[in-house]
Protein backbone atom coordinates (compact mmCIF):
# COMPACT_ATOMS: atom_id res chain seq x y z
CA MET A 1 -88.93 69.88 -9.74
CA SER A 2 -86.06 70.94 -12.03
CA HIS A 3 -83.02 68.85 -12.86
CA SER A 4 -80.86 71.01 -10.58
CA ASP A 5 -83.33 70.57 -7.71
CA ASN A 6 -83.22 66.80 -8.20
CA LYS A 7 -79.42 66.86 -8.11
CA ILE A 8 -79.41 68.93 -4.91
CA ALA A 9 -81.91 66.56 -3.29
CA THR A 10 -79.79 63.57 -4.30
CA ASP A 11 -76.63 65.19 -2.97
CA ASN A 12 -78.36 66.04 0.31
CA TYR A 13 -79.62 62.47 0.65
CA GLN A 14 -76.14 61.06 0.02
CA PHE A 15 -74.57 63.47 2.52
CA ILE A 16 -77.11 62.79 5.26
CA ASN A 17 -76.94 59.03 4.73
CA LEU A 18 -73.23 58.87 3.98
CA SER A 19 -72.41 56.67 6.95
CA PHE A 20 -75.10 54.15 6.02
CA LEU A 21 -74.06 54.15 2.37
CA LEU A 22 -70.49 53.39 3.41
CA LEU A 23 -71.66 50.68 5.79
CA ASN A 24 -73.72 49.14 3.00
CA LYS A 25 -70.69 49.06 0.69
CA ILE A 26 -68.68 47.32 3.40
CA ILE A 27 -71.45 44.79 4.01
CA ASN A 28 -71.70 44.01 0.28
CA ASN A 29 -68.06 42.91 0.29
CA LEU A 30 -68.63 40.34 3.03
CA ASP A 31 -69.39 36.88 1.66
CA GLN A 32 -70.47 35.10 4.83
CA ILE A 33 -73.69 35.90 6.66
CA LEU A 34 -71.84 35.28 9.92
CA ASP A 35 -69.42 38.07 8.99
CA ILE A 36 -72.31 40.42 8.24
CA ILE A 37 -73.99 39.76 11.59
CA SER A 38 -70.69 40.09 13.45
CA PHE A 39 -69.96 43.39 11.73
CA SER A 40 -73.32 44.82 12.78
CA LEU A 41 -72.55 43.91 16.41
CA VAL A 42 -69.29 45.84 16.50
CA CYS A 43 -70.82 49.02 17.92
CA LYS A 44 -74.17 49.96 19.45
CA ARG A 45 -74.98 52.63 16.83
CA TRP A 46 -74.47 50.21 13.96
CA PHE A 47 -76.63 47.63 15.71
CA ASP A 48 -79.44 50.10 16.47
CA ASN A 49 -79.54 51.25 12.83
CA ARG A 50 -78.97 47.87 11.18
CA ASP A 51 -82.22 48.07 9.19
CA LYS A 52 -80.91 51.17 7.34
CA TYR A 53 -77.88 49.53 5.74
CA LEU A 54 -78.18 45.79 6.26
CA CYS A 55 -79.80 43.09 4.15
CA PHE A 56 -78.85 39.47 3.52
CA ASN A 57 -77.68 37.70 0.40
CA ASN A 58 -80.90 35.85 -0.30
CA GLU A 59 -79.37 33.57 -2.93
CA THR A 60 -78.12 31.43 -0.06
CA LEU A 61 -81.53 31.38 1.64
CA MET A 62 -83.29 28.44 0.03
CA ASN A 63 -86.27 28.12 2.33
CA SER A 64 -89.19 30.46 1.69
CA ARG A 65 -91.32 29.78 4.75
CA ASP A 66 -92.02 32.23 7.54
CA ILE A 67 -88.81 32.56 9.51
CA LYS A 68 -90.67 34.01 12.50
CA VAL A 69 -91.99 30.58 13.42
CA ASP A 70 -88.74 28.69 12.85
CA LYS A 71 -87.84 27.21 16.24
CA HIS A 72 -84.16 26.96 15.29
CA PHE A 73 -83.83 30.66 14.46
CA THR A 74 -83.46 32.33 17.86
CA LEU A 75 -81.52 35.42 16.77
CA ASN A 76 -84.56 37.58 17.41
CA SER A 77 -82.94 40.94 16.60
CA TYR A 78 -82.41 39.84 12.98
CA LYS A 79 -85.68 38.03 12.22
CA GLU A 80 -87.27 41.04 10.54
CA LEU A 81 -84.20 41.59 8.36
CA PHE A 82 -84.10 37.96 7.26
CA GLN A 83 -87.83 37.94 6.56
CA ARG A 84 -87.48 41.10 4.49
CA SER A 85 -84.75 39.41 2.44
CA PHE A 86 -87.13 36.54 1.73
CA ASP A 87 -90.02 38.82 0.84
CA GLN A 88 -87.98 41.01 -1.52
CA ASN A 89 -86.47 38.09 -3.42
CA ILE A 90 -88.03 37.59 -6.84
CA ASN A 91 -85.34 35.37 -8.34
CA ARG A 92 -85.01 32.67 -5.71
CA LYS A 93 -83.84 29.32 -7.04
CA HIS A 94 -85.55 26.12 -5.96
CA LEU A 95 -84.35 22.56 -5.85
CA LEU A 96 -87.48 20.50 -6.38
CA VAL A 97 -87.83 16.78 -5.75
CA LEU A 98 -91.15 16.03 -7.38
CA ILE A 99 -93.50 13.31 -8.64
CA THR A 100 -93.35 10.01 -6.91
CA PRO A 101 -95.70 7.30 -8.22
CA ASP A 102 -98.34 8.35 -5.68
CA ASP A 103 -98.30 12.04 -6.61
CA GLU A 104 -101.15 13.64 -8.51
CA ILE A 105 -99.98 15.06 -11.83
CA LEU A 106 -102.38 17.99 -11.66
CA ASP A 107 -101.02 19.00 -8.26
CA TYR A 108 -97.55 18.95 -9.72
CA ILE A 109 -98.53 21.10 -12.70
CA ARG A 110 -100.31 23.56 -10.41
CA PHE A 111 -97.19 23.83 -8.27
CA LEU A 112 -94.99 24.67 -11.25
CA LYS A 113 -97.38 27.38 -12.38
CA GLN A 114 -97.56 28.88 -8.89
CA SER A 115 -93.78 28.99 -8.64
CA LYS A 116 -93.51 31.90 -11.07
CA PRO A 117 -91.87 34.41 -11.03
CA TYR A 118 -89.36 32.23 -9.17
CA THR A 119 -86.79 30.29 -11.16
CA VAL A 120 -87.38 26.56 -11.01
CA GLU A 121 -83.83 25.58 -11.76
CA ILE A 122 -83.89 21.81 -11.28
CA VAL A 123 -86.71 19.28 -11.34
CA GLN A 124 -86.01 15.78 -10.10
CA THR A 125 -88.64 13.18 -10.84
CA ASN A 126 -89.16 9.42 -11.01
CA GLU A 127 -91.53 9.59 -13.97
CA LEU A 128 -92.18 12.16 -16.66
CA ASN A 129 -94.91 11.57 -19.20
CA ASP A 130 -96.31 13.24 -22.28
CA GLU A 131 -99.30 14.72 -20.42
CA ILE A 132 -97.00 16.95 -18.41
CA ILE A 133 -94.98 17.94 -21.48
CA GLN A 134 -98.11 18.78 -23.49
CA ARG A 135 -99.32 21.17 -20.79
CA LYS A 136 -96.15 23.20 -21.36
CA CYS A 137 -95.64 23.66 -17.64
CA TYR A 138 -91.86 23.45 -18.09
CA ALA A 139 -91.44 26.92 -19.52
CA ASN A 140 -89.32 28.06 -16.57
CA VAL A 141 -87.34 24.84 -16.04
CA ASN A 142 -83.73 24.51 -17.20
CA ASN A 143 -82.56 21.23 -15.69
CA LEU A 144 -84.17 17.79 -15.45
CA SER A 145 -83.06 14.83 -13.37
CA LEU A 146 -85.02 11.83 -14.60
CA ALA A 147 -85.34 8.22 -13.51
CA ASN A 148 -87.60 6.92 -16.28
CA PHE A 149 -88.25 7.88 -19.90
CA SER A 150 -90.50 4.90 -20.61
CA ARG A 151 -93.90 6.63 -20.59
CA PHE A 152 -93.29 8.96 -23.55
CA ARG A 153 -95.05 8.59 -26.85
CA ASN A 154 -92.63 8.24 -29.75
CA ASN A 155 -93.43 11.67 -31.15
CA ILE A 156 -92.90 13.57 -27.90
CA LYS A 157 -89.82 15.79 -27.61
CA LEU A 158 -88.72 17.73 -24.55
CA PRO A 159 -89.05 21.54 -24.87
CA SER A 160 -86.07 23.57 -26.06
CA ASN A 161 -85.68 25.46 -22.77
CA ILE A 162 -84.37 22.25 -21.14
CA LYS A 163 -80.59 22.68 -21.25
CA GLU A 164 -79.41 19.93 -18.91
CA ILE A 165 -80.62 16.35 -18.41
CA ILE A 166 -79.48 13.68 -15.96
CA SER A 167 -80.91 10.21 -16.51
CA ILE A 168 -80.10 6.89 -14.85
CA PHE A 169 -82.10 4.71 -17.26
CA GLU A 170 -82.32 3.99 -20.98
CA PHE A 171 -83.79 6.65 -23.24
CA ASN A 172 -84.60 7.27 -26.85
CA GLU A 173 -82.25 9.84 -28.38
CA SER A 174 -85.19 11.40 -30.26
CA PHE A 175 -86.70 12.64 -26.96
CA LEU A 176 -83.81 15.03 -26.37
CA PRO A 177 -84.32 18.73 -27.14
CA LEU A 178 -82.32 19.92 -30.13
CA GLU A 179 -80.65 22.70 -28.13
CA LEU A 180 -79.57 20.54 -25.19
CA GLU A 181 -76.21 21.61 -23.72
CA SER A 182 -75.50 18.97 -21.06
CA LEU A 183 -76.34 15.25 -20.90
CA GLN A 184 -75.38 12.86 -18.11
CA CYS A 185 -76.64 9.30 -18.44
CA SER A 186 -76.08 5.72 -17.34
CA ILE A 187 -76.89 3.14 -20.02
CA ASN A 188 -76.22 -0.52 -20.71
CA ASN A 189 -77.07 -0.63 -24.41
CA THR A 190 -75.01 0.98 -27.14
CA ILE A 191 -75.79 4.67 -27.54
CA ASN A 192 -75.96 6.22 -31.00
CA ILE A 193 -73.73 9.25 -30.55
CA SER A 194 -74.59 10.61 -33.99
CA LEU A 195 -78.24 11.11 -32.92
CA LEU A 196 -77.38 13.28 -29.91
CA PRO A 197 -77.99 17.05 -30.18
CA ARG A 198 -75.07 18.76 -31.92
CA THR A 199 -75.31 21.61 -29.38
CA LEU A 200 -73.98 19.46 -26.52
CA LYS A 201 -71.10 20.96 -24.59
CA VAL A 202 -71.08 18.39 -21.77
CA LEU A 203 -71.48 14.63 -22.27
CA LYS A 204 -71.02 12.17 -19.39
CA ILE A 205 -71.79 8.51 -20.05
CA SER A 206 -71.43 5.58 -17.68
CA GLY A 207 -72.35 1.92 -18.11
CA TYR A 208 -71.60 -0.66 -20.76
CA GLY A 209 -73.28 1.50 -23.39
CA THR A 210 -70.05 3.42 -23.84
CA ARG A 211 -68.46 0.49 -25.67
CA GLY A 212 -67.47 1.36 -29.23
CA ILE A 213 -68.07 5.14 -29.22
CA ASP A 214 -66.80 6.62 -32.49
CA VAL A 215 -65.00 9.89 -31.74
CA ARG A 216 -65.92 11.17 -35.20
CA SER A 217 -69.61 11.19 -34.15
CA LEU A 218 -69.15 13.33 -31.04
CA PRO A 219 -70.78 16.81 -31.05
CA PRO A 220 -68.29 19.21 -32.66
CA ASN A 221 -68.26 21.82 -29.87
CA LEU A 222 -67.99 19.44 -26.93
CA GLU A 223 -66.10 20.96 -23.98
CA GLU A 224 -66.43 18.20 -21.37
CA PHE A 225 -66.50 14.45 -21.99
CA GLU A 226 -66.64 11.62 -19.46
CA SER A 227 -66.68 7.93 -20.26
CA CYS A 228 -66.79 5.60 -17.27
CA VAL A 229 -67.06 1.82 -17.55
CA VAL A 230 -66.00 -0.52 -14.75
CA GLY A 231 -64.53 -3.93 -15.53
CA LEU A 232 -63.94 -3.67 -19.29
CA PHE A 233 -60.77 -5.09 -20.78
CA ASP A 234 -61.09 -3.42 -24.18
CA LYS A 235 -61.27 0.12 -25.48
CA THR A 236 -64.56 1.98 -25.13
CA ILE A 237 -63.74 4.59 -27.76
CA THR A 238 -63.03 4.05 -31.44
CA GLY A 239 -60.25 6.58 -31.96
CA ASN A 240 -56.52 6.78 -32.56
CA ASP A 241 -53.71 9.15 -33.49
CA THR A 242 -55.53 9.93 -36.74
CA HIS A 243 -59.11 10.16 -35.44
CA GLN A 244 -58.98 12.54 -32.49
CA MET A 245 -61.80 13.75 -30.27
CA PRO A 246 -63.18 17.32 -30.78
CA SER A 247 -60.51 20.00 -30.51
CA THR A 248 -62.78 22.10 -28.25
CA LEU A 249 -62.49 19.67 -25.32
CA LYS A 250 -61.30 21.18 -22.03
CA ARG A 251 -62.20 18.51 -19.43
CA VAL A 252 -61.95 14.77 -20.14
CA SER A 253 -62.36 11.57 -18.11
CA LEU A 254 -61.62 8.22 -19.79
CA LEU A 255 -59.83 4.87 -19.66
CA SER A 256 -56.08 4.70 -20.19
CA ASP A 257 -56.64 2.59 -23.34
CA ASP A 258 -58.45 5.53 -24.93
CA LEU A 259 -55.65 8.08 -24.47
CA PRO A 260 -54.49 7.88 -28.13
CA SER A 261 -57.73 9.63 -29.17
CA ILE A 262 -56.81 12.81 -27.23
CA LYS A 263 -52.98 12.84 -27.18
CA ARG A 264 -52.70 15.49 -29.90
CA LEU A 265 -55.35 17.87 -28.54
CA THR A 266 -54.15 21.24 -27.25
CA SER A 267 -57.17 22.63 -25.36
CA ILE A 268 -57.55 20.00 -22.60
CA HIS A 269 -56.62 21.40 -19.18
CA THR A 270 -58.31 18.84 -16.88
CA LEU A 271 -57.78 15.10 -17.40
CA LEU A 272 -58.95 12.14 -15.29
CA ILE A 273 -57.46 8.78 -16.29
CA ASN A 274 -58.79 5.45 -15.02
CA VAL A 275 -56.20 2.76 -15.74
CA SER A 276 -57.99 -0.27 -17.19
CA ILE A 277 -57.31 -3.81 -16.00
CA THR A 278 -54.80 -4.49 -18.77
CA GLY A 279 -53.90 -0.86 -19.38
CA PHE A 280 -50.84 1.32 -19.06
CA ILE A 281 -49.77 4.88 -19.85
CA ARG A 282 -47.12 5.58 -22.46
CA ILE A 283 -44.80 8.55 -22.61
CA GLY A 284 -46.57 11.17 -24.74
CA ASP A 285 -50.11 9.86 -24.07
CA ILE A 286 -50.99 12.80 -21.80
CA PRO A 287 -51.40 16.07 -23.76
CA GLU A 288 -48.90 18.81 -22.88
CA SER A 289 -51.79 21.27 -22.35
CA VAL A 290 -53.01 19.40 -19.23
CA THR A 291 -52.58 21.37 -16.00
CA ASP A 292 -54.91 19.34 -13.73
CA LEU A 293 -54.33 15.57 -13.72
CA SER A 294 -56.00 12.76 -11.77
CA LEU A 295 -54.77 9.15 -12.05
CA THR A 296 -56.66 6.12 -10.69
CA ASN A 297 -55.42 2.52 -10.79
CA TYR A 298 -56.76 -0.49 -8.86
CA SER A 299 -55.13 -3.27 -10.91
CA MET A 300 -51.40 -4.05 -11.10
CA PRO A 301 -49.06 -1.33 -9.71
CA LEU A 302 -48.19 1.23 -12.39
CA ASN A 303 -45.00 3.27 -12.43
CA ILE A 304 -45.20 7.03 -13.04
CA CYS A 305 -42.04 8.65 -14.34
CA ARG A 306 -41.24 12.29 -15.05
CA GLU A 307 -41.40 11.84 -18.84
CA MET A 308 -45.12 10.95 -18.65
CA LEU A 309 -46.10 14.23 -16.99
CA PRO A 310 -46.72 17.53 -18.85
CA SER A 311 -44.16 20.24 -18.10
CA ASN A 312 -46.78 22.84 -17.11
CA ILE A 313 -48.78 20.59 -14.78
CA LYS A 314 -50.16 22.44 -11.71
CA HIS A 315 -52.32 19.89 -9.88
CA ILE A 316 -51.82 16.13 -9.54
CA SER A 317 -54.05 13.65 -7.70
CA ILE A 318 -52.98 10.00 -7.56
CA ILE A 319 -55.31 7.23 -6.35
CA GLY A 320 -54.54 3.53 -6.05
CA LYS A 321 -51.47 1.45 -6.93
CA PHE A 322 -48.55 3.48 -8.26
CA SER A 323 -44.81 3.89 -7.83
CA PHE A 324 -42.54 6.78 -8.78
CA ARG A 325 -39.27 5.66 -10.33
CA ALA A 326 -37.35 6.90 -13.35
CA GLN A 327 -38.11 5.21 -16.65
CA ILE A 328 -34.90 3.15 -16.83
CA SER A 329 -33.40 3.03 -13.32
CA SER A 330 -34.82 2.93 -9.80
CA ASP A 331 -34.03 6.63 -9.35
CA TYR A 332 -36.83 8.54 -7.58
CA ARG A 333 -35.15 11.92 -7.70
CA TYR A 334 -36.77 13.47 -10.74
CA THR A 335 -40.41 12.28 -10.81
CA PHE A 336 -41.77 15.52 -9.31
CA SER A 337 -38.75 17.69 -8.49
CA THR A 338 -38.41 19.25 -11.96
CA LEU A 339 -42.10 20.14 -12.34
CA GLN A 340 -41.54 23.87 -11.87
CA HIS A 341 -45.25 24.81 -12.00
CA LEU A 342 -46.63 22.11 -9.71
CA GLU A 343 -48.78 23.65 -6.94
CA THR A 344 -50.85 20.73 -5.59
CA LEU A 345 -49.84 17.11 -5.04
CA ASP A 346 -52.51 14.83 -3.54
CA LEU A 347 -51.12 11.47 -2.42
CA SER A 348 -53.71 10.85 0.30
CA ARG A 349 -55.23 7.83 -1.47
CA VAL A 350 -52.18 6.30 -3.13
CA SER A 351 -51.23 2.72 -2.16
CA LEU A 352 -47.53 2.43 -1.39
CA SER A 353 -45.32 -0.32 -0.03
CA ASN A 354 -42.96 0.19 2.91
CA ASN A 355 -39.99 0.67 0.59
CA ASP A 356 -41.59 3.07 -1.89
CA LYS A 357 -40.34 6.64 -2.08
CA ILE A 358 -41.78 9.89 -3.41
CA GLY A 359 -38.50 11.68 -4.05
CA PRO A 360 -37.71 15.41 -3.71
CA LEU A 361 -40.52 17.90 -4.24
CA PRO A 362 -40.50 21.04 -6.44
CA THR A 363 -40.08 24.42 -4.75
CA SER A 364 -43.28 25.64 -6.44
CA LEU A 365 -45.44 23.29 -4.34
CA ILE A 366 -48.17 25.04 -2.30
CA ASN A 367 -50.43 22.16 -1.19
CA ILE A 368 -49.56 18.56 -0.38
CA SER A 369 -51.65 15.66 0.95
CA LEU A 370 -49.35 13.02 2.44
CA PRO A 371 -49.99 9.28 1.90
CA SER A 372 -52.36 7.46 4.25
CA THR A 373 -50.21 4.32 4.26
CA PRO A 374 -49.62 3.37 7.94
CA ASN A 375 -46.15 1.80 7.52
CA PHE A 376 -44.81 4.25 4.97
CA LYS A 377 -41.42 5.77 5.87
CA TYR A 378 -42.10 9.50 6.02
CA ASP A 379 -38.68 10.87 7.02
CA GLU A 380 -37.44 11.81 3.55
CA LEU A 381 -40.82 13.21 2.51
CA ILE A 382 -41.16 15.36 5.65
CA SER A 383 -37.59 16.58 5.21
CA SER A 384 -38.45 17.63 1.66
CA CYS A 385 -41.62 19.42 2.85
CA ASN A 386 -39.60 21.39 5.38
CA GLN A 387 -37.49 22.85 2.58
CA LEU A 388 -40.36 24.15 0.42
CA PRO A 389 -40.52 27.99 0.59
CA ASN A 390 -44.09 28.27 -0.77
CA LEU A 391 -45.81 25.43 1.08
CA LYS A 392 -49.11 26.61 2.63
CA PHE A 393 -51.22 23.48 3.24
CA VAL A 394 -50.40 19.96 4.47
CA ASP A 395 -52.77 17.02 4.94
CA TYR A 396 -50.94 14.82 7.46
CA GLY A 397 -52.31 11.53 6.07
CA SER A 398 -50.94 8.74 8.28
CA PHE A 399 -47.92 10.76 9.38
CA ASN A 400 -48.06 10.61 13.18
CA ASN A 401 -44.76 12.03 14.46
CA ASP A 402 -43.47 8.61 15.56
CA ASN A 403 -39.85 9.20 14.56
CA ASP A 404 -37.54 12.15 15.10
CA GLN A 405 -38.65 13.98 11.96
CA ARG A 406 -41.04 16.90 12.58
CA LEU A 407 -42.94 19.17 10.23
CA ASN A 408 -41.51 22.61 11.05
CA ASN A 409 -41.81 24.63 7.84
CA THR A 410 -42.92 28.12 8.95
CA SER A 411 -44.53 28.92 5.60
CA ILE A 412 -47.36 26.46 6.37
CA LYS A 413 -50.63 28.22 7.22
CA SER A 414 -53.19 25.40 7.10
CA ILE A 415 -53.15 21.70 8.03
CA LYS A 416 -55.55 18.75 8.03
CA LEU A 417 -55.27 16.12 10.76
CA ASN A 418 -56.65 12.59 10.84
CA ARG A 419 -57.82 10.04 13.37
CA SER A 420 -54.36 8.44 13.58
CA THR A 421 -52.42 11.69 14.13
CA LYS A 422 -50.47 11.75 17.39
CA LEU A 423 -50.33 15.31 18.68
CA THR A 424 -47.44 16.59 20.75
CA ASP A 425 -46.22 20.10 21.49
CA GLN A 426 -44.04 19.86 18.35
CA SER A 427 -46.60 18.38 15.96
CA ILE A 428 -48.03 21.63 14.59
CA PRO A 429 -45.79 24.26 12.96
CA THR A 430 -45.84 27.56 14.83
CA SER A 431 -47.05 29.43 11.73
CA VAL A 432 -50.30 27.46 11.31
CA GLU A 433 -53.49 29.55 11.40
CA ILE A 434 -56.14 27.04 10.24
CA ILE A 435 -56.65 23.42 11.35
CA ASP A 436 -59.12 20.95 9.85
CA PHE A 437 -59.46 18.25 12.49
CA ASN A 438 -61.39 16.01 10.08
CA ASP A 439 -62.15 12.80 12.06
CA TYR A 440 -59.73 13.59 14.92
CA ARG A 441 -61.81 13.23 18.09
CA LEU A 442 -59.39 13.29 21.02
CA LYS A 443 -58.75 15.98 23.56
CA VAL A 444 -56.19 18.57 22.48
CA GLU A 445 -54.08 19.69 25.42
CA GLN A 446 -53.35 23.38 25.97
CA ASN A 447 -49.62 23.07 25.23
CA ILE A 448 -50.32 21.73 21.73
CA TRP A 449 -52.06 24.84 20.37
CA PRO A 450 -49.72 27.34 18.64
CA PRO A 451 -50.72 30.96 19.40
CA SER A 452 -51.16 31.57 15.66
CA ILE A 453 -54.32 29.43 15.35
CA SER A 454 -57.40 31.50 14.48
CA SER A 455 -59.78 29.04 12.78
CA ILE A 456 -60.65 25.34 13.15
CA SER A 457 -63.04 22.83 11.53
CA ILE A 458 -64.39 20.05 13.75
CA ASP A 459 -67.23 17.55 14.13
CA THR A 460 -69.61 17.08 17.05
CA ALA A 461 -67.53 14.27 18.60
CA PHE A 462 -64.60 16.68 18.90
CA ILE A 463 -66.80 19.01 20.99
CA ASP A 464 -67.54 16.27 23.52
CA ALA A 465 -63.87 15.28 23.74
CA ASN A 466 -62.79 18.86 24.39
CA ASP A 467 -65.04 19.95 27.26
CA ASN A 468 -67.66 21.66 25.11
CA LEU A 469 -64.81 23.69 23.53
CA MET A 470 -64.01 25.31 26.87
CA ASN A 471 -60.34 24.26 26.61
CA ILE A 472 -59.94 25.83 23.15
CA PRO A 473 -57.73 28.97 23.24
CA SER A 474 -59.62 32.26 23.15
CA SER A 475 -57.55 33.36 20.15
CA ILE A 476 -59.57 30.94 18.00
CA LYS A 477 -62.49 33.07 16.83
CA ASN A 478 -63.82 31.06 13.87
CA ILE A 479 -65.11 27.51 14.26
CA THR A 480 -66.89 25.36 11.67
CA ILE A 481 -68.85 22.33 12.89
CA THR A 482 -69.94 19.66 10.42
CA ASN A 483 -71.59 16.27 10.36
CA GLU A 484 -73.63 14.40 7.75
CA GLN A 485 -76.72 16.55 8.31
CA PHE A 486 -75.51 20.12 8.83
CA THR A 487 -72.75 22.70 8.77
CA PHE A 488 -72.59 25.47 11.35
CA ASN A 489 -70.28 28.46 11.44
CA ILE A 490 -69.43 29.82 14.87
CA ARG A 491 -67.90 33.16 15.76
CA ARG A 492 -66.59 33.63 19.28
CA LEU A 493 -67.87 36.87 20.81
CA ASP A 494 -66.03 36.54 24.11
CA GLN A 495 -64.94 33.85 26.56
CA GLN A 496 -68.52 32.76 27.28
CA PHE A 497 -70.71 33.57 24.26
CA ILE A 498 -70.70 32.48 20.63
CA LEU A 499 -72.61 33.56 17.53
CA LEU A 500 -73.88 30.54 15.58
CA PHE A 501 -75.25 30.44 12.03
CA GLY A 502 -76.14 27.61 9.68
CA ASN A 503 -77.96 27.61 6.34
CA ASN A 504 -78.56 23.91 5.75
CA LEU A 505 -80.69 23.93 2.60
CA LEU A 506 -84.15 23.83 4.17
CA ASN A 507 -83.39 25.24 7.60
CA ILE A 508 -81.79 28.48 8.70
CA ASN A 509 -80.37 28.29 12.20
CA SER A 510 -78.95 31.18 14.14
CA ALA A 511 -78.42 31.97 17.80
CA ILE A 512 -76.24 33.68 20.35
CA LEU A 513 -75.39 31.00 22.89
CA ASN A 514 -73.44 30.48 26.04
CA ILE A 515 -70.70 28.10 24.91
CA ASN A 516 -71.79 25.61 27.60
CA CYS A 517 -75.14 25.28 25.79
CA LEU A 518 -73.65 24.39 22.40
CA THR A 519 -73.86 20.60 22.70
CA ASN A 520 -77.50 20.71 23.83
CA TYR A 521 -78.38 23.06 20.97
CA LEU A 522 -76.86 20.69 18.42
CA LYS A 523 -78.63 17.69 19.96
CA LYS A 524 -81.99 19.46 19.71
CA TYR A 525 -81.29 20.29 16.09
CA ASN A 526 -80.63 16.64 15.27
CA LYS A 527 -84.03 15.56 16.56
C-alpha cells in the first residue's frame, strides 16, 4: 500500500470514528472515575458504545486481582472495561509490605522476580539481610522502608538504584548507596553527617541523634531538611550567621534556636518552626523568601508581631500558644492586615485566651480556619471576614453563631463545619457551594440548606442522622463519604438512585444503588 493510500485509510478511519475520538478526548480530561462513568451514562448511544472510547486510568487501580469475582464491585456493565484496564497495564505500581520474621526469604525473592515488568516502587520490611542484597533482586526497587539494619555484614552496601530510604532504627552510614537522594531516619546516637551520600536532596532526622549537627557537613545540594527533637533545651545544629545551611534549601523544619543558621538564605519557600522550651523568634530570623510558614509552640505563650513575618508570605499555619500584638504596644491592628499577599491563615489549632484578638485581616485572604477556642470572642473576627472580597473558604472552628454576628460574605464558596457548630437558617452564606461536615453528625433541617449547595463531604454517622440522606436537597449531586477505612464518591442520578465508586487501595467498589440501600451497603463493606 502506498503512502497516499495509507493517508486515505487513516483519514477515513478518523472520519468514521470521529464521534468516538472526540468522546475519548473528553474522557481523558476527566480526572475522577466517577465522572467518567457518569459521562458514559448521559445518553443511550454513548452507553451502548462505551467499549469503543472508554478506558480507565489504571494508575489509580492498585489491586491486580480478577475484578469479576469481587463481591463489592456490582457495576456489572463496566466489569469488562475495568478488567481490560488491569490487563493492559504494564507499569502498575505496587505498595509491598514484605518480610516478617516468619516469612521465607526465597519466597520473597521469587515474588520480586515475578513482579516484573511491574514497577515495585516501595518495599517495606522488618528485616533486610545481605543474602537478599547479594541475589540482586532489588533491581526494580526505588524506595525502601526498613525497620532493622542489624543483619548486614560490614562490607555490604545497598544497590545504587535505591533512591529513598526510611529507617526507624540505628544504621551504619556505610550501608547507604552513594547515589541516595532521600533519607528519613530516627536515631538516638549522634549521626556523622559528613559520611552521608553527597547526592542527598532530602534529609529528615528525628531523635536525639540530631544534637550537634554541623551545617558545614550537610550535603551541598540539599533541598529539604528536617530536624525534629522533642524536649531539648539546647541547639541541635551548629550554625550561625556566618555558617549557614546549604543555599539550595527550599523546605526546612527546625527548632527556633536554630534559625540563625538559615536567616540569610534566599531559596527557602517553606519553613516549619518548632519553638523550643526556652526559645523565641527574633525579628529578622525568618528569611524574607519564605512564602509558606508553620509555627508550633507548646511552652510559654509567644507573641507574633508583623515585623517577624516576611512581606511576601502567602500561607500561615499557627499551632499552640501564641498572641498577636504589635512589638511595643498592645495594638493588634497590623499583625496580619498589611500582609498584601497572604492567601491562607490557619488558626484552627492556636490556643487563645478569652481576651486575645486576631486583628483586621488582609483583603488578599482566600482561606481562613477560625480558632477552635470555645470561649473566644468571634465578633470582630467574623466582622473582618465579612469584609474580605476574595474569601472563598472558611473553617468555622468553634464559631457557633451564639451572638448576633453572622458570616454573610457572599464570596465564600466552601465551608467546613465541626461538631460544636450550631446551624440555623442564617448560619451558612447563600453563596456556599461545598460543605465539609467533618465530625458534624446532627440532622440538618430543610430550611438550613442554601439552594447553591452542590457538593458535601460527610461520614457514616451523618447518614444515619439524616434519614439515609433522604432529606438532603436534590440539588446536591456530589457526595463524599469517609471514615477510617474507606472513601466513597457518590453521584446522584435522580431522586431515588445513586452511583457509588470507591478505590480504597486494595478494593474497588462500585454500584448503582437505591439511596435507601446505602447504609446497608456500607455496613456490608465494613465486615
